[in-house]
Amino acid sequence: MTEKPANIENLRAFFNLGKSETCLWKVLRDLKIRPIGGNVQWPVVWQALGLSQQDDPRHQADLIEPLMTAPDVGKFCGVIPTCNDQHS
């Protein structure tokens, strides 16, 4: 599964950035991730986020699931987040 690198579309979905390429480039810059040819290897993304780079196939599917937004986490935890900054 991780043989295929993450492309721009995958990364926007992963970081929950909608269609905003500007936001994506800011996120990648802040994480010090440099796409090569518009692609990034998944282990590079995981390492930048401090996640395990373990190659256990049972965990790879979970590691490429989109990150949760503040409202998503609030719903999951049963609280209302105070920040409503949404990307489109």
PDB file of N, CA and C in Angstrom:
ATOM      1  N   MET A   1       0.820  -1.202   0.000  1.00  0.00           N
ATOM      2  CA  MET A   1       0.000   0.000   0.000  1.00  0.00           C
ATOM      3  C   MET A   1       0.856   1.253   0.000  1.00  0.00           C
ATOM      4  N   THR A   2       1.940   1.266   0.780  1.00  0.00           N
ATOM      5  CA  THR A   2       2.751   2.474   0.834  1.00  0.00           C
ATOM      6  C   THR A   2       3.764   2.542  -0.289  1.00  0.00           C
ATOM      7  N   GLU A   3       3.737   1.553  -1.207  1.00  0.00           N
ATOM      8  CA  GLU A   3       4.627   1.645  -2.357  1.00  0.00           C
ATOM      9  C   GLU A   3       4.225   2.844  -3.207  1.00  0.00           C
ATOM     10  N   LYS A   4       2.914   3.136  -3.226  1.00  0.00           N
ATOM     11  CA  LYS A   4       2.433   4.284  -3.978  1.00  0.00           C
ATOM     12  C   LYS A   4       2.592   5.537  -3.126  1.00  0.00           C
ATOM     13  N   PRO A   5       3.270   6.549  -3.653  1.00  0.00           N
ATOM     14  CA  PRO A   5       3.417   7.780  -2.878  1.00  0.00           C
ATOM     15  C   PRO A   5       2.097   8.549  -2.816  1.00  0.00           C
ATOM     16  N   ALA A   6       2.020   9.446  -1.857  1.00  0.00           N
ATOM     17  CA  ALA A   6       0.863  10.329  -1.741  1.00  0.00           C
ATOM     18  C   ALA A   6       1.015  11.449  -2.758  1.00  0.00           C
ATOM     19  N   ASN A   7      -0.022  11.666  -3.546  1.00  0.00           N
ATOM     20  CA  ASN A   7       0.004  12.785  -4.483  1.00  0.00           C
ATOM     21  C   ASN A   7      -0.704  13.980  -3.847  1.00  0.00           C
ATOM     22  N   ILE A   8      -0.810  15.071  -4.574  1.00  0.00           N
ATOM     23  CA  ILE A   8      -1.396  16.302  -4.048  1.00  0.00           C
ATOM     24  C   ILE A   8      -2.826  16.066  -3.562  1.00  0.00           C
ATOM     25  N   GLU A   9      -3.603  15.328  -4.344  1.00  0.00           N
ATOM     26  CA  GLU A   9      -4.997  15.037  -3.953  1.00  0.00           C
ATOM     27  C   GLU A   9      -5.026  14.229  -2.654  1.00  0.00           C
ATOM     28  N   ASN A  10      -4.165  13.209  -2.558  1.00  0.00           N
ATOM     29  CA  ASN A  10      -4.110  12.388  -1.340  1.00  0.00           C
ATOM     30  C   ASN A  10      -3.761  13.238  -0.128  1.00  0.00           C
ATOM     31  N   LEU A  11      -2.790  14.133  -0.305  1.00  0.00           N
ATOM     32  CA  LEU A  11      -2.335  14.964   0.806  1.00  0.00           C
ATOM     33  C   LEU A  11      -3.408  15.962   1.249  1.00  0.00           C
ATOM     34  N   ARG A  12      -4.108  16.569   0.287  1.00  0.00           N
ATOM     35  CA  ARG A  12      -5.192  17.487   0.659  1.00  0.00           C
ATOM     36  C   ARG A  12      -6.269  16.752   1.436  1.00  0.00           C
ATOM     37  N   ALA A  13      -6.607  15.542   1.009  1.00  0.00           N
ATOM     38  CA  ALA A  13      -7.610  14.743   1.718  1.00  0.00           C
ATOM     39  C   ALA A  13      -7.093  14.331   3.096  1.00  0.00           C
ATOM     40  N   PHE A  14      -5.839  13.911   3.171  1.00  0.00           N
ATOM     41  CA  PHE A  14      -5.250  13.462   4.431  1.00  0.00           C
ATOM     42  C   PHE A  14      -5.262  14.564   5.482  1.00  0.00           C
ATOM     43  N   PHE A  15      -4.889  15.784   5.071  1.00  0.00           N
ATOM     44  CA  PHE A  15      -4.831  16.902   6.004  1.00  0.00           C
ATOM     45  C   PHE A  15      -6.171  17.635   6.119  1.00  0.00           C
ATOM     46  N   ASN A  16      -7.227  17.114   5.474  1.00  0.00           N
ATOM     47  CA  ASN A  16      -8.563  17.719   5.525  1.00  0.00           C
ATOM     48  C   ASN A  16      -8.542  19.177   5.085  1.00  0.00           C
ATOM     49  N   LEU A  17      -7.937  19.446   3.942  1.00  0.00           N
ATOM     50  CA  LEU A  17      -7.791  20.819   3.466  1.00  0.00           C
ATOM     51  C   LEU A  17      -8.720  21.159   2.311  1.00  0.00           C
ATOM     52  N   GLY A  18      -9.649  20.303   2.002  1.00  0.00           N
ATOM     53  CA  GLY A  18     -10.555  20.588   0.899  1.00  0.00           C
ATOM     54  C   GLY A  18      -9.768  20.769  -0.386  1.00  0.00           C
ATOM     55  N   LYS A  19     -10.099  21.807  -1.144  1.00  0.00           N
ATOM     56  CA  LYS A  19      -9.434  22.035  -2.430  1.00  0.00           C
ATOM     57  C   LYS A  19      -8.339  23.086  -2.361  1.00  0.00           C
ATOM     58  N   SER A  20      -7.997  23.522  -1.167  1.00  0.00           N
ATOM     59  CA  SER A  20      -7.037  24.605  -0.998  1.00  0.00           C
ATOM     60  C   SER A  20      -5.598  24.114  -1.173  1.00  0.00           C
ATOM     61  N   GLU A  21      -4.983  24.467  -2.318  1.00  0.00           N
ATOM     62  CA  GLU A  21      -3.573  24.122  -2.510  1.00  0.00           C
ATOM     63  C   GLU A  21      -2.671  25.039  -1.701  1.00  0.00           C
ATOM     64  N   THR A  22      -3.102  26.289  -1.501  1.00  0.00           N
ATOM     65  CA  THR A  22      -2.299  27.222  -0.711  1.00  0.00           C
ATOM     66  C   THR A  22      -2.118  26.683   0.705  1.00  0.00           C
ATOM     67  N   CYS A  23      -3.204  26.222   1.309  1.00  0.00           N
ATOM     68  CA  CYS A  23      -3.113  25.664   2.661  1.00  0.00           C
ATOM     69  C   CYS A  23      -2.222  24.427   2.678  1.00  0.00           C
ATOM     70  N   LEU A  24      -2.345  23.587   1.656  1.00  0.00           N
ATOM     71  CA  LEU A  24      -1.521  22.388   1.601  1.00  0.00           C
ATOM     72  C   LEU A  24      -0.049  22.749   1.575  1.00  0.00           C
ATOM     73  N   TRP A  25       0.324  23.693   0.730  1.00  0.00           N
ATOM     74  CA  TRP A  25       1.746  24.064   0.639  1.00  0.00           C
ATOM     75  C   TRP A  25       2.242  24.650   1.943  1.00  0.00           C
ATOM     76  N   LYS A  26       1.383  25.378   2.680  1.00  0.00           N
ATOM     77  CA  LYS A  26       1.775  25.915   3.987  1.00  0.00           C
ATOM     78  C   LYS A  26       1.981  24.782   4.988  1.00  0.00           C
ATOM     79  N   VAL A  27       1.087  23.811   4.983  1.00  0.00           N
ATOM     80  CA  VAL A  27       1.212  22.670   5.890  1.00  0.00           C
ATOM     81  C   VAL A  27       2.493  21.897   5.586  1.00  0.00           C
ATOM     82  N   LEU A  28       2.718  21.607   4.312  1.00  0.00           N
ATOM     83  CA  LEU A  28       3.922  20.867   3.940  1.00  0.00           C
ATOM     84  C   LEU A  28       5.182  21.641   4.308  1.00  0.00           C
ATOM     85  N   ARG A  29       5.168  22.946   4.076  1.00  0.00           N
ATOM     86  CA  ARG A  29       6.333  23.772   4.430  1.00  0.00           C
ATOM     87  C   ARG A  29       6.572  23.722   5.936  1.00  0.00           C
ATOM     88  N   ASP A  30       5.509  23.876   6.731  1.00  0.00           N
ATOM     89  CA  ASP A  30       5.650  23.865   8.177  1.00  0.00           C
ATOM     90  C   ASP A  30       6.153  22.521   8.699  1.00  0.00           C
ATOM     91  N   LEU A  31       5.776  21.442   8.025  1.00  0.00           N
ATOM     92  CA  LEU A  31       6.229  20.111   8.425  1.00  0.00           C
ATOM     93  C   LEU A  31       7.569  19.741   7.796  1.00  0.00           C
ATOM     94  N   LYS A  32       8.112  20.656   6.993  1.00  0.00           N
ATOM     95  CA  LYS A  32       9.392  20.439   6.298  1.00  0.00           C
ATOM     96  C   LYS A  32       9.332  19.222   5.362  1.00  0.00           C
ATOM     97  N   ILE A  33       8.186  19.106   4.677  1.00  0.00           N
ATOM     98  CA  ILE A  33       7.997  18.046   3.696  1.00  0.00           C
ATOM     99  C   ILE A  33       8.141  18.664   2.312  1.00  0.00           C
ATOM    100  N   ARG A  34       9.017  18.092   1.485  1.00  0.00           N
ATOM    101  CA  ARG A  34       9.244  18.594   0.132  1.00  0.00           C
ATOM    102  C   ARG A  34       8.779  17.563  -0.885  1.00  0.00           C
ATOM    103  N   PRO A  35       7.635  17.820  -1.525  1.00  0.00           N
ATOM    104  CA  PRO A  35       7.186  16.885  -2.562  1.00  0.00           C
ATOM    105  C   PRO A  35       8.167  16.854  -3.724  1.00  0.00           C
ATOM    106  N   ILE A  36       8.341  15.681  -4.290  1.00  0.00           N
ATOM    107  CA  ILE A  36       9.177  15.522  -5.471  1.00  0.00           C
ATOM    108  C   ILE A  36       8.250  15.105  -6.603  1.00  0.00           C
ATOM    109  N   GLY A  37       8.152  15.951  -7.609  1.00  0.00           N
ATOM    110  CA  GLY A  37       7.241  15.682  -8.712  1.00  0.00           C
ATOM    111  C   GLY A  37       5.787  15.663  -8.271  1.00  0.00           C
ATOM    112  N   GLY A  38       5.466  16.410  -7.212  1.00  0.00           N
ATOM    113  CA  GLY A  38       4.094  16.457  -6.708  1.00  0.00           C
ATOM    114  C   GLY A  38       3.718  15.283  -5.827  1.00  0.00           C
ATOM    115  N   ASN A  39       4.695  14.447  -5.473  1.00  0.00           N
ATOM    116  CA  ASN A  39       4.434  13.271  -4.651  1.00  0.00           C
ATOM    117  C   ASN A  39       5.316  13.248  -3.412  1.00  0.00           C
ATOM    118  N   VAL A  40       4.816  12.568  -2.371  1.00  0.00           N
ATOM    119  CA  VAL A  40       5.568  12.381  -1.132  1.00  0.00           C
ATOM    120  C   VAL A  40       5.368  10.935  -0.694  1.00  0.00           C
ATOM    121  N   GLN A  41       6.436  10.280  -0.302  1.00  0.00           N
ATOM    122  CA  GLN A  41       6.296   8.924   0.234  1.00  0.00           C
ATOM    123  C   GLN A  41       5.572   8.999   1.585  1.00  0.00           C
ATOM    124  N   TRP A  42       4.622   8.097   1.802  1.00  0.00           N
ATOM    125  CA  TRP A  42       3.846   8.115   3.045  1.00  0.00           C
ATOM    126  C   TRP A  42       4.716   8.086   4.301  1.00  0.00           C
ATOM    127  N   PRO A  43       5.778   7.274   4.372  1.00  0.00           N
ATOM    128  CA  PRO A  43       6.599   7.289   5.584  1.00  0.00           C
ATOM    129  C   PRO A  43       7.195   8.673   5.900  1.00  0.00           C
ATOM    130  N   VAL A  44       7.439   9.485   4.885  1.00  0.00           N
ATOM    131  CA  VAL A  44       7.943  10.852   5.106  1.00  0.00           C
ATOM    132  C   VAL A  44       6.875  11.677   5.826  1.00  0.00           C
ATOM    133  N   VAL A  45       5.619  11.533   5.397  1.00  0.00           N
ATOM    134  CA  VAL A  45       4.513  12.255   6.034  1.00  0.00           C
ATOM    135  C   VAL A  45       4.378  11.795   7.485  1.00  0.00           C
ATOM    136  N   TRP A  46       4.384  10.476   7.701  1.00  0.00           N
ATOM    137  CA  TRP A  46       4.222   9.951   9.049  1.00  0.00           C
ATOM    138  C   TRP A  46       5.340  10.412   9.974  1.00  0.00           C
ATOM    139  N   GLN A  47       6.575  10.393   9.476  1.00  0.00           N
ATOM    140  CA  GLN A  47       7.704  10.823  10.297  1.00  0.00           C
ATOM    141  C   GLN A  47       7.567  12.293  10.667  1.00  0.00           C
ATOM    142  N   ALA A  48       7.141  13.137   9.725  1.00  0.00           N
ATOM    143  CA  ALA A  48       6.972  14.569   9.998  1.00  0.00           C
ATOM    144  C   ALA A  48       5.919  14.814  11.072  1.00  0.00           C
ATOM    145  N   LEU A  49       4.944  13.911  11.173  1.00  0.00           N
ATOM    146  CA  LEU A  49       3.888  14.037  12.179  1.00  0.00           C
ATOM    147  C   LEU A  49       4.228  13.319  13.475  1.00  0.00           C
ATOM    148  N   GLY A  50       5.390  12.674  13.513  1.00  0.00           N
ATOM    149  CA  GLY A  50       5.794  11.943  14.704  1.00  0.00           C
ATOM    150  C   GLY A  50       5.104  10.597  14.848  1.00  0.00           C
ATOM    151  N   LEU A  51       4.559  10.073  13.744  1.00  0.00           N
ATOM    152  CA  LEU A  51       3.898   8.774  13.772  1.00  0.00           C
ATOM    153  C   LEU A  51       4.880   7.674  13.412  1.00  0.00           C
ATOM    154  N   SER A  52       4.521   6.463  13.761  1.00  0.00           N
ATOM    155  CA  SER A  52       5.371   5.314  13.491  1.00  0.00           C
ATOM    156  C   SER A  52       5.500   5.075  11.989  1.00  0.00           C
ATOM    157  N   GLN A  53       6.688   4.723  11.574  1.00  0.00           N
ATOM    158  CA  GLN A  53       6.928   4.391  10.171  1.00  0.00           C
ATOM    159  C   GLN A  53       6.928   2.889   9.974  1.00  0.00           C
ATOM    160  N   GLN A  54       6.456   2.182  10.957  1.00  0.00           N
ATOM    161  CA  GLN A  54       6.451   0.728  10.909  1.00  0.00           C
ATOM    162  C   GLN A  54       5.780   0.234   9.633  1.00  0.00           C
ATOM    163  N   ASP A  55       6.372  -0.739   8.998  1.00  0.00           N
ATOM    164  CA  ASP A  55       5.840  -1.251   7.742  1.00  0.00           C
ATOM    165  C   ASP A  55       4.816  -2.362   7.931  1.00  0.00           C
ATOM    166  N   ASP A  56       4.235  -2.482   9.084  1.00  0.00           N
ATOM    167  CA  ASP A  56       3.228  -3.513   9.340  1.00  0.00           C
ATOM    168  C   ASP A  56       1.987  -3.202   8.507  1.00  0.00           C
ATOM    169  N   PRO A  57       1.659  -4.041   7.536  1.00  0.00           N
ATOM    170  CA  PRO A  57       0.520  -3.761   6.647  1.00  0.00           C
ATOM    171  C   PRO A  57      -0.802  -3.571   7.384  1.00  0.00           C
ATOM    172  N   ARG A  58      -0.927  -4.132   8.573  1.00  0.00           N
ATOM    173  CA  ARG A  58      -2.172  -3.964   9.337  1.00  0.00           C
ATOM    174  C   ARG A  58      -2.373  -2.527   9.786  1.00  0.00           C
ATOM    175  N   HIS A  59      -1.308  -1.746   9.871  1.00  0.00           N
ATOM    176  CA  HIS A  59      -1.418  -0.366  10.341  1.00  0.00           C
ATOM    177  C   HIS A  59      -1.390   0.659   9.214  1.00  0.00           C
ATOM    178  N   GLN A  60      -0.938   0.272   8.045  1.00  0.00           N
ATOM    179  CA  GLN A  60      -0.769   1.229   6.959  1.00  0.00           C
ATOM    180  C   GLN A  60      -2.083   1.857   6.528  1.00  0.00           C
ATOM    181  N   ALA A  61      -3.146   1.088   6.468  1.00  0.00           N
ATOM    182  CA  ALA A  61      -4.447   1.638   6.055  1.00  0.00           C
ATOM    183  C   ALA A  61      -4.905   2.709   7.034  1.00  0.00           C
ATOM    184  N   ASP A  62      -4.686   2.489   8.331  1.00  0.00           N
ATOM    185  CA  ASP A  62      -5.073   3.478   9.337  1.00  0.00           C
ATOM    186  C   ASP A  62      -4.237   4.744   9.228  1.00  0.00           C
ATOM    187  N   LEU A  63      -2.953   4.588   8.897  1.00  0.00           N
ATOM    188  CA  LEU A  63      -2.059   5.739   8.852  1.00  0.00           C
ATOM    189  C   LEU A  63      -2.337   6.679   7.683  1.00  0.00           C
ATOM    190  N   ILE A  64      -3.031   6.218   6.643  1.00  0.00           N
ATOM    191  CA  ILE A  64      -3.318   7.128   5.532  1.00  0.00           C
ATOM    192  C   ILE A  64      -4.752   7.652   5.573  1.00  0.00           C
ATOM    193  N   GLU A  65      -5.499   7.299   6.621  1.00  0.00           N
ATOM    194  CA  GLU A  65      -6.842   7.861   6.793  1.00  0.00           C
ATOM    195  C   GLU A  65      -6.710   9.365   7.039  1.00  0.00           C
ATOM    196  N   PRO A  66      -7.668  10.164   6.562  1.00  0.00           N
ATOM    197  CA  PRO A  66      -7.596  11.608   6.786  1.00  0.00           C
ATOM    198  C   PRO A  66      -7.540  11.964   8.275  1.00  0.00           C
ATOM    199  N   LEU A  67      -6.787  12.994   8.572  1.00  0.00           N
ATOM    200  CA  LEU A  67      -6.712  13.487   9.941  1.00  0.00           C
ATOM    201  C   LEU A  67      -8.055  14.105  10.320  1.00  0.00           C
ATOM    202  N   MET A  68      -8.363  14.074  11.582  1.00  0.00           N
ATOM    203  CA  MET A  68      -9.628  14.650  12.053  1.00  0.00           C
ATOM    204  C   MET A  68      -9.472  16.158  12.237  1.00  0.00           C
ATOM    205  N   THR A  69     -10.542  16.885  11.926  1.00  0.00           N
ATOM    206  CA  THR A  69     -10.567  18.323  12.172  1.00  0.00           C
ATOM    207  C   THR A  69     -11.006  18.562  13.610  1.00  0.00           C
ATOM    208  N   ALA A  70     -10.875  19.806  14.099  1.00  0.00           N
ATOM    209  CA  ALA A  70     -11.315  20.135  15.460  1.00  0.00           C
ATOM    210  C   ALA A  70     -12.789  19.796  15.671  1.00  0.00           C
ATOM    211  N   PRO A  71     -13.691  20.154  14.731  1.00  0.00           N
ATOM    212  CA  PRO A  71     -15.095  19.765  14.920  1.00  0.00           C
ATOM    213  C   PRO A  71     -15.291  18.250  14.949  1.00  0.00           C
ATOM    214  N   ASP A  72     -14.528  17.507  14.133  1.00  0.00           N
ATOM    215  CA  ASP A  72     -14.618  16.046  14.145  1.00  0.00           C
ATOM    216  C   ASP A  72     -14.227  15.490  15.511  1.00  0.00           C
ATOM    217  N   VAL A  73     -13.126  16.003  16.052  1.00  0.00           N
ATOM    218  CA  VAL A  73     -12.662  15.549  17.361  1.00  0.00           C
ATOM    219  C   VAL A  73     -13.690  15.903  18.423  1.00  0.00           C
ATOM    220  N   GLY A  74     -14.258  17.116  18.326  1.00  0.00           N
ATOM    221  CA  GLY A  74     -15.283  17.531  19.291  1.00  0.00           C
ATOM    222  C   GLY A  74     -16.471  16.597  19.283  1.00  0.00           C
ATOM    223  N   LYS A  75     -16.948  16.236  18.094  1.00  0.00           N
ATOM    224  CA  LYS A  75     -18.070  15.292  17.995  1.00  0.00           C
ATOM    225  C   LYS A  75     -17.691  13.947  18.589  1.00  0.00           C
ATOM    226  N   PHE A  76     -16.487  13.490  18.297  1.00  0.00           N
ATOM    227  CA  PHE A  76     -16.020  12.198  18.783  1.00  0.00           C
ATOM    228  C   PHE A  76     -15.941  12.188  20.310  1.00  0.00           C
ATOM    229  N   CYS A  77     -15.490  13.313  20.882  1.00  0.00           N
ATOM    230  CA  CYS A  77     -15.317  13.406  22.340  1.00  0.00           C
ATOM    231  C   CYS A  77     -16.554  13.937  23.052  1.00  0.00           C
ATOM    232  N   GLY A  78     -17.530  14.407  22.292  1.00  0.00           N
ATOM    233  CA  GLY A  78     -18.739  14.933  22.906  1.00  0.00           C
ATOM    234  C   GLY A  78     -18.588  16.338  23.456  1.00  0.00           C
ATOM    235  N   VAL A  79     -17.688  17.128  22.871  1.00  0.00           N
ATOM    236  CA  VAL A  79     -17.504  18.521  23.291  1.00  0.00           C
ATOM    237  C   VAL A  79     -17.638  19.438  22.078  1.00  0.00           C
ATOM    238  N   ILE A  80     -17.860  20.695  22.327  1.00  0.00           N
ATOM    239  CA  ILE A  80     -17.963  21.677  21.256  1.00  0.00           C
ATOM    240  C   ILE A  80     -16.650  22.448  21.190  1.00  0.00           C
ATOM    241  N   PRO A  81     -15.933  22.363  20.066  1.00  0.00           N
ATOM    242  CA  PRO A  81     -14.665  23.098  19.960  1.00  0.00           C
ATOM    243  C   PRO A  81     -14.919  24.601  19.897  1.00  0.00           C
ATOM    244  N   THR A  82     -13.983  25.374  20.409  1.00  0.00           N
ATOM    245  CA  THR A  82     -14.131  26.822  20.404  1.00  0.00           C
ATOM    246  C   THR A  82     -13.625  27.441  19.122  1.00  0.00           C
ATOM    247  N   CYS A  83     -12.865  26.714  18.340  1.00  0.00           N
ATOM    248  CA  CYS A  83     -12.328  27.229  17.083  1.00  0.00           C
ATOM    249  C   CYS A  83     -13.171  26.702  15.925  1.00  0.00           C
ATOM    250  N   ASN A  84     -13.694  27.596  15.102  1.00  0.00           N
ATOM    251  CA  ASN A  84     -14.480  27.180  13.954  1.00  0.00           C
ATOM    252  C   ASN A  84     -13.778  27.476  12.643  1.00  0.00           C
ATOM    253  N   ASP A  85     -12.447  27.547  12.673  1.00  0.00           N
ATOM    254  CA  ASP A  85     -11.668  27.829  11.469  1.00  0.00           C
ATOM    255  C   ASP A  85     -11.719  26.630  10.537  1.00  0.00           C
ATOM    256  N   GLN A  86     -12.458  26.745   9.436  1.00  0.00           N
ATOM    257  CA  GLN A  86     -12.615  25.651   8.483  1.00  0.00           C
ATOM    258  C   GLN A  86     -11.940  26.017   7.177  1.00  0.00           C
ATOM    259  N   HIS A  87     -11.305  25.048   6.567  1.00  0.00           N
ATOM    260  CA  HIS A  87     -10.681  25.236   5.261  1.00  0.00           C
ATOM    261  C   HIS A  87     -11.659  24.788   4.193  1.00  0.00           C
ATOM    262  N   SER A  88     -11.650  25.459   3.055  1.00  0.00           N
ATOM    263  CA  SER A  88     -12.540  25.013   1.971  1.00  0.00           C
ATOM    264  C   SER A  88     -11.743  24.658   0.750  1.00  0.00           C
TER     265      SER A  88
END
